[in-house]
Amino acid sequence: MIRLLLLAIFCFLLYAIWTALRSIVGSNRQNPPEERPEKSASGEEMVQDPVCGTYVPASDAVCARIGGKRLHFCSEECRDAYRAGQR
């Protein structure tokens, strides 16, 4: 009976070491880049600010038509910075 208990403990220790090594090796692999969110938590489309790269819900974005394109900004400051850079 003691031999069976020792064998079970030994197998458990081997399993614990194996899973720990797997997690260490797995964390060293390069993770794929995170994809940008297509929708917010409420299901609304997310748009990216071309100045700072921030994603905001389309309804909260500051919109501007510049150069015939409709652009979305996270704030009026980013919109003004974009316009200043176009001149």
Protein backbone atom coordinates (compact mmCIF):
# COMPACT_ATOMS: atom_id res chain seq x y z
CA MET A 1 0.00 0.00 0.00
CA ILE A 2 2.84 2.39 0.85
CA ARG A 3 4.52 1.60 -2.49
CA LEU A 4 1.30 2.55 -4.32
CA LEU A 5 1.09 5.82 -2.40
CA LEU A 6 4.74 6.64 -3.14
CA LEU A 7 4.21 5.82 -6.82
CA ALA A 8 1.19 8.15 -6.94
CA ILE A 9 3.19 10.96 -5.30
CA PHE A 10 6.08 10.40 -7.70
CA CYS A 11 3.74 10.53 -10.72
CA PHE A 12 2.14 13.70 -9.41
CA LEU A 13 5.54 15.35 -8.98
CA LEU A 14 6.58 14.38 -12.51
CA TYR A 15 3.32 15.81 -13.86
CA ALA A 16 3.76 19.07 -11.90
CA ILE A 17 7.32 19.49 -13.20
CA TRP A 18 6.25 18.71 -16.75
CA THR A 19 3.42 21.28 -16.72
CA ALA A 20 5.71 23.91 -15.15
CA LEU A 21 8.32 23.37 -17.87
CA ARG A 22 5.66 23.53 -20.57
CA SER A 23 4.41 26.87 -19.30
CA ILE A 24 7.95 28.27 -19.14
CA VAL A 25 8.77 27.14 -22.68
CA GLY A 26 5.38 28.32 -23.93
CA SER A 27 5.88 31.80 -22.48
CA ASN A 28 9.18 32.18 -24.37
CA ARG A 29 7.49 31.72 -27.72
CA GLN A 30 6.64 34.88 -29.56
CA ASN A 31 2.97 35.64 -29.17
CA PRO A 32 1.09 36.79 -32.25
CA PRO A 33 0.26 40.50 -32.21
CA GLU A 34 -3.07 41.40 -30.72
CA GLU A 35 -5.68 42.14 -33.27
CA ARG A 36 -7.53 45.40 -33.03
CA PRO A 37 -11.01 45.22 -31.59
CA GLU A 38 -13.72 45.39 -34.22
CA LYS A 39 -16.49 46.18 -31.76
CA SER A 40 -16.79 47.62 -28.29
CA ALA A 41 -18.25 45.65 -25.39
CA SER A 42 -21.69 46.95 -26.31
CA GLY A 43 -21.29 45.74 -29.90
CA GLU A 44 -20.57 49.11 -31.47
CA GLU A 45 -17.91 49.47 -34.17
CA MET A 46 -14.54 50.77 -32.98
CA VAL A 47 -12.57 53.30 -35.05
CA GLN A 48 -8.88 54.18 -34.81
CA ASP A 49 -7.57 57.69 -34.39
CA PRO A 50 -4.97 58.32 -37.16
CA VAL A 51 -2.91 60.62 -34.90
CA CYS A 52 -2.48 58.70 -31.64
CA GLY A 53 -3.79 55.26 -32.62
CA THR A 54 -6.43 55.13 -29.89
CA TYR A 55 -9.56 53.06 -30.59
CA VAL A 56 -12.85 54.70 -29.68
CA PRO A 57 -16.49 53.74 -30.28
CA ALA A 58 -17.76 55.33 -33.49
CA SER A 59 -20.48 57.21 -31.61
CA ASP A 60 -17.88 58.86 -29.29
CA ALA A 61 -15.43 59.77 -32.07
CA VAL A 62 -14.90 63.30 -33.32
CA CYS A 63 -15.49 63.10 -37.08
CA ALA A 64 -14.01 65.32 -39.75
CA ARG A 65 -13.97 65.24 -43.53
CA ILE A 66 -10.41 66.01 -44.59
CA GLY A 67 -9.20 65.63 -48.15
CA GLY A 68 -12.45 63.98 -49.18
CA LYS A 69 -12.06 61.26 -46.54
CA ARG A 70 -14.15 60.92 -43.40
CA LEU A 71 -11.76 60.47 -40.46
CA HIS A 72 -12.47 59.64 -36.83
CA PHE A 73 -10.49 61.12 -33.94
CA CYS A 74 -10.50 60.44 -30.21
CA SER A 75 -10.54 64.16 -29.37
CA GLU A 76 -10.66 67.61 -30.88
CA GLU A 77 -6.96 68.01 -30.03
CA CYS A 78 -6.04 65.04 -32.23
CA ARG A 79 -8.28 66.36 -35.00
CA ASP A 80 -6.61 69.79 -34.84
CA ALA A 81 -3.14 68.20 -34.76
CA TYR A 82 -4.00 66.19 -37.88
CA ARG A 83 -5.25 69.28 -39.67
CA ALA A 84 -2.12 71.23 -38.66
CA GLY A 85 0.07 68.44 -40.05
CA GLN A 86 -1.75 68.52 -43.40
CA ARG A 87 -0.76 72.13 -44.10
